[in-house]
């Protein structure tokens, strides 16, 4: 089992994770504060970076960490273009000209990331972005959910590339996972899949195109990053 270290970065309070075992360290969502993350990881053997999606608050320190560690970069195949598109990443809104120089490993459903004795399975969970992914460690019952699922709510779908119907399908997919998982999200506190099953089932229903206009009572829950 790898060691999990985490730190909160950026004005958006993004959770950045470092997963370390005998094979090195994988960084999940290095979103901002590049110099700080370089210092935070200086004693780690960083072998790879995994991005759950292409938004600026999850990719903003990638190039600097690659320059420091010479590691590979992976993200969902449908979000590779977004890492180089200022509009899709949201860097245009921030007034920052930042693109990820290179993605080495475009990921898709069923791909497995292996390092040391551990493995993470890729699950396509579009909706927040077109290529959003979650990472499941079935052996240790952990889900890295990015901005798809939070404690008590789900990710927004009103950014460029967001899609309510796709989010509905992703909610249904996670609701059907037959294993209780510890959920480590992109923002906010950890939770469990069991604790979030009811809301996933709810959103899978109300985000369907023909029903979404009828359900506004909980629309405020879509306001997290």
Protein backbone atom coordinates (compact mmCIF):
# COMPACT_ATOMS: atom_id res chain seq x y z
CA UNK A 1 0.00 0.00 0.00
CA UNK A 2 1.34 3.43 -0.96
CA UNK A 3 1.56 6.36 1.41
CA UNK A 4 -0.88 9.19 0.65
CA UNK A 5 0.24 12.75 1.33
CA UNK A 6 -1.90 15.71 0.37
CA UNK A 7 -1.69 19.46 0.24
CA UNK A 8 -4.20 22.16 -0.67
CA UNK A 9 -3.14 24.57 -3.42
CA UNK A 10 -4.56 27.51 -5.40
CA UNK A 11 -7.26 30.01 -4.59
CA UNK A 12 -9.73 27.26 -5.47
CA UNK A 13 -8.46 25.06 -2.62
CA UNK A 14 -7.52 22.10 -4.79
CA UNK A 15 -6.44 18.85 -3.16
CA UNK A 16 -3.13 17.67 -4.63
CA UNK A 17 -2.15 14.10 -3.73
CA UNK A 18 1.24 12.38 -3.64
CA UNK A 19 1.07 8.58 -3.75
CA UNK A 20 4.38 7.02 -2.75
CA UNK A 21 5.53 3.41 -2.72
CA UNK A 22 8.72 1.50 -3.48
CA UNK A 23 8.32 2.37 -7.16
CA UNK A 24 8.30 6.12 -6.63
CA UNK A 25 5.63 8.80 -6.36
CA UNK A 26 2.65 9.65 -8.52
CA UNK A 27 1.21 13.15 -8.18
CA UNK A 28 -2.53 13.60 -8.74
CA UNK A 29 -3.74 17.08 -9.79
CA UNK A 30 -0.84 19.50 -9.18
CA UNK A 31 -3.03 22.54 -9.61
CA UNK A 32 -1.02 25.65 -8.74
CA UNK A 33 1.79 27.15 -6.65
CA UNK A 34 4.48 25.47 -8.71
CA UNK A 35 7.42 26.63 -6.61
CA UNK A 36 5.73 25.36 -3.46
CA UNK A 37 4.99 21.97 -5.04
CA UNK A 38 8.56 21.72 -6.30
CA UNK A 39 9.76 22.19 -2.74
CA UNK A 40 7.09 19.81 -1.39
CA UNK A 41 8.24 17.06 -3.78
CA UNK A 42 11.98 17.74 -3.78
CA UNK A 43 12.78 14.63 -1.72
CA UNK A 44 10.38 12.39 -3.65
CA UNK A 45 11.11 10.26 -6.69
CA UNK A 46 8.21 11.54 -8.78
CA UNK A 47 7.69 9.15 -11.69
CA UNK A 48 4.34 10.39 -12.99
CA UNK A 49 1.56 12.96 -12.86
CA UNK A 50 -2.10 12.06 -13.33
CA UNK A 51 -4.67 14.75 -14.07
CA UNK A 52 -8.32 13.99 -13.35
CA UNK A 53 -9.30 16.73 -15.81
CA UNK A 54 -8.01 19.73 -17.70
CA UNK A 55 -9.10 22.66 -15.52
CA UNK A 56 -6.56 25.29 -14.54
CA UNK A 57 -6.80 24.60 -10.81
CA UNK A 58 -5.71 20.99 -11.44
CA UNK A 59 -2.95 21.42 -14.04
CA UNK A 60 -1.20 24.68 -13.16
CA UNK A 61 2.08 23.20 -11.91
CA UNK A 62 2.55 20.34 -14.38
CA UNK A 63 5.32 21.81 -16.52
CA UNK A 64 7.41 22.85 -13.56
CA UNK A 65 7.19 19.42 -11.91
CA UNK A 66 8.07 17.70 -15.20
CA UNK A 67 11.10 19.98 -15.53
CA UNK A 68 12.16 19.10 -11.99
CA UNK A 69 11.53 15.36 -12.02
CA UNK A 70 11.46 14.28 -15.68
CA UNK A 71 8.20 12.41 -15.07
CA UNK A 72 5.44 11.36 -17.45
CA UNK A 73 2.02 13.07 -17.60
CA UNK A 74 -1.33 11.34 -18.04
CA UNK A 75 -4.94 12.50 -18.35
CA UNK A 76 -8.21 11.44 -19.91
CA UNK A 77 -7.88 11.19 -23.69
CA UNK A 78 -10.79 13.56 -24.30
CA UNK A 79 -9.17 16.21 -22.08
CA UNK A 80 -5.72 16.21 -23.66
CA UNK A 81 -6.71 19.06 -25.98
CA UNK A 82 -8.12 20.95 -23.00
CA UNK A 83 -4.74 21.01 -21.29
CA UNK A 84 -3.53 23.15 -24.20
CA UNK A 85 -6.68 25.24 -24.71
CA UNK A 86 -6.92 28.36 -22.54
CA UNK A 87 -10.71 28.47 -22.87
CA UNK A 88 -11.34 24.84 -21.95
CA UNK A 89 -8.86 24.94 -19.08
CA UNK A 90 -10.20 28.24 -17.75
CA UNK A 91 -6.84 29.97 -17.80
CA UNK A 92 -8.36 32.62 -20.09
CA UNK A 93 -10.69 33.68 -17.27
CA UNK A 94 -7.69 33.90 -14.94
CA UNK A 95 -5.78 35.99 -17.49
CA UNK A 96 -2.93 33.48 -17.50
CA UNK A 97 -1.23 32.07 -20.60
CA UNK A 98 -0.42 28.55 -19.41
CA UNK A 99 -0.67 25.29 -21.33
CA UNK A 100 0.63 21.82 -20.48
CA UNK A 101 3.62 21.22 -22.73
CA UNK A 102 2.99 17.53 -23.31
CA UNK A 103 0.69 14.69 -22.23
CA UNK A 104 2.49 11.36 -22.57
CA UNK A 105 -0.34 9.00 -21.69
CA UNK A 106 -3.90 9.67 -22.89
CA UNK A 107 -6.11 7.51 -20.66
CA UNK A 108 -9.40 5.75 -21.31
CA UNK A 109 -11.85 3.51 -19.49
CA UNK A 110 -10.20 0.36 -18.20
CA UNK A 111 -6.61 1.57 -18.48
CA UNK A 112 -4.43 0.71 -15.51
CA UNK A 113 -1.66 2.83 -14.02
CA UNK A 114 0.91 0.61 -12.35
CA UNK A 115 3.90 1.67 -10.30
CA UNK A 116 5.72 -0.37 -7.71
CA UNK A 117 3.30 -2.96 -6.33
CA UNK A 118 0.20 -0.78 -6.71
CA UNK A 119 -2.29 -0.05 -9.46
CA UNK A 120 -5.01 2.48 -10.22
CA UNK A 121 -7.84 1.71 -12.62
CA UNK A 122 -9.15 4.47 -14.87
CA UNK A 123 -12.89 5.12 -15.05
CA UNK A 124 -14.27 7.58 -17.59
CA UNK A 125 -16.55 10.02 -15.74
CA UNK A 126 -17.29 12.88 -18.16
CA UNK A 127 -19.67 15.69 -17.32
CA UNK A 128 -17.59 18.24 -15.43
CA UNK A 129 -15.36 18.12 -18.52
CA UNK A 130 -15.49 15.94 -21.61
CA UNK A 131 -12.54 13.83 -20.52
CA UNK A 132 -12.83 13.75 -16.75
CA UNK A 133 -11.58 10.53 -15.16
CA UNK A 134 -11.69 8.97 -11.71
CA UNK A 135 -9.07 6.57 -10.38
CA UNK A 136 -10.06 3.45 -8.44
CA UNK A 137 -7.73 1.44 -6.26
CA UNK A 138 -9.87 -1.65 -5.71
CA UNK A 139 -7.26 -3.45 -3.60
CA UNK A 140 -7.24 -0.68 -1.01
CA UNK A 141 -10.82 0.58 -1.55
CA UNK A 142 -9.92 4.13 -2.57
CA UNK A 143 -11.46 6.41 -5.21
CA UNK A 144 -9.75 9.58 -6.40
CA UNK A 145 -12.80 11.43 -7.69
CA UNK A 146 -11.39 14.73 -8.97
CA UNK A 147 -14.22 17.20 -9.51
CA UNK A 148 -16.82 14.57 -10.34
CA UNK A 149 -17.84 13.79 -6.75
CA UNK A 150 -17.45 15.67 -3.48
CA UNK A 151 -18.73 15.17 0.05
CA UNK A 152 -22.42 16.01 -0.30
CA UNK A 153 -22.40 17.30 -3.86
CA UNK A 154 -21.08 16.84 -7.39
CA UNK A 155 -19.09 18.90 -9.87
CA UNK A 156 -20.43 21.78 -11.93
CA UNK A 157 -21.44 21.28 -15.54
CA UNK A 158 -21.68 24.92 -16.63
CA UNK A 159 -18.04 25.37 -17.63
CA UNK A 160 -16.89 25.00 -21.27
CA UNK A 161 -16.98 21.29 -22.06
CA UNK A 162 -19.40 20.49 -19.25
CA UNK A 163 -22.41 18.33 -20.03
CA UNK A 164 -25.36 17.53 -17.75
CA UNK A 165 -26.37 14.37 -19.59
CA UNK A 166 -22.82 13.01 -19.37
CA UNK A 167 -22.70 13.89 -15.68
CA UNK A 168 -25.95 11.99 -15.17
CA UNK A 169 -24.39 8.92 -16.76
CA UNK A 170 -21.24 9.29 -14.65
CA UNK A 171 -23.30 9.57 -11.47
CA UNK A 172 -25.18 6.42 -12.41
CA UNK A 173 -21.90 4.63 -13.12
CA UNK A 174 -20.42 5.42 -9.71
CA UNK A 175 -23.70 4.63 -7.96
CA UNK A 176 -23.46 1.12 -9.41
CA UNK A 177 -19.95 0.42 -8.10
CA UNK A 178 -20.41 -2.57 -5.82
CA UNK A 179 -17.70 -1.70 -3.31
CA UNK A 180 -17.55 0.86 -0.55
CA UNK A 181 -14.66 3.15 -1.31
CA UNK A 182 -12.95 5.93 0.55
CA UNK A 183 -13.42 8.96 -1.70
CA UNK A 184 -10.58 11.48 -1.98
CA UNK A 185 -11.98 14.40 -4.00
CA UNK A 186 -10.45 17.33 -5.83
CA UNK A 187 -11.82 19.79 -3.29
CA UNK A 188 -13.01 19.53 0.28
CA UNK A 189 -12.97 16.69 2.79
CA UNK A 190 -12.81 12.97 2.15
CA UNK A 191 -16.00 10.93 2.18
CA UNK A 192 -17.11 7.42 1.27
CA UNK A 193 -18.96 6.09 -1.73
CA UNK A 194 -21.58 4.58 0.56
CA UNK A 195 -22.29 8.02 2.04
CA UNK A 196 -22.71 9.51 -1.45
CA UNK A 197 -24.79 6.77 -3.11
CA UNK A 198 -28.10 8.53 -2.45
CA UNK A 199 -27.01 11.81 -4.02
CA UNK A 200 -25.43 10.01 -6.98
CA UNK A 201 -28.72 8.24 -7.65
CA UNK A 202 -30.56 11.55 -7.28
CA UNK A 203 -28.34 13.40 -9.75
CA UNK A 204 -28.37 10.51 -12.21
CA UNK A 205 -32.13 11.04 -12.40
CA UNK A 206 -32.53 14.81 -12.29
CA UNK A 207 -29.68 15.67 -14.66
CA UNK A 208 -31.28 13.72 -17.49
CA UNK A 209 -32.10 16.29 -20.22
CA UNK A 210 -35.88 16.00 -20.07
CA UNK A 211 -35.99 16.29 -16.30
CA UNK A 212 -33.33 18.82 -15.45
CA UNK A 213 -35.58 21.85 -15.94
CA UNK A 214 -38.07 20.39 -13.46
CA UNK A 215 -35.61 20.11 -10.60
CA UNK A 216 -34.10 23.37 -9.39
CA UNK A 217 -34.51 22.87 -5.68
CA UNK A 218 -30.93 21.69 -5.23
CA UNK A 219 -29.24 23.61 -8.06
CA UNK A 220 -27.13 25.44 -5.50
CA UNK A 221 -25.26 22.18 -4.96
CA UNK A 222 -23.66 22.55 -8.39
CA UNK A 223 -21.62 25.57 -7.38
CA UNK A 224 -18.43 23.90 -6.23
CA UNK A 225 -15.45 23.97 -8.60
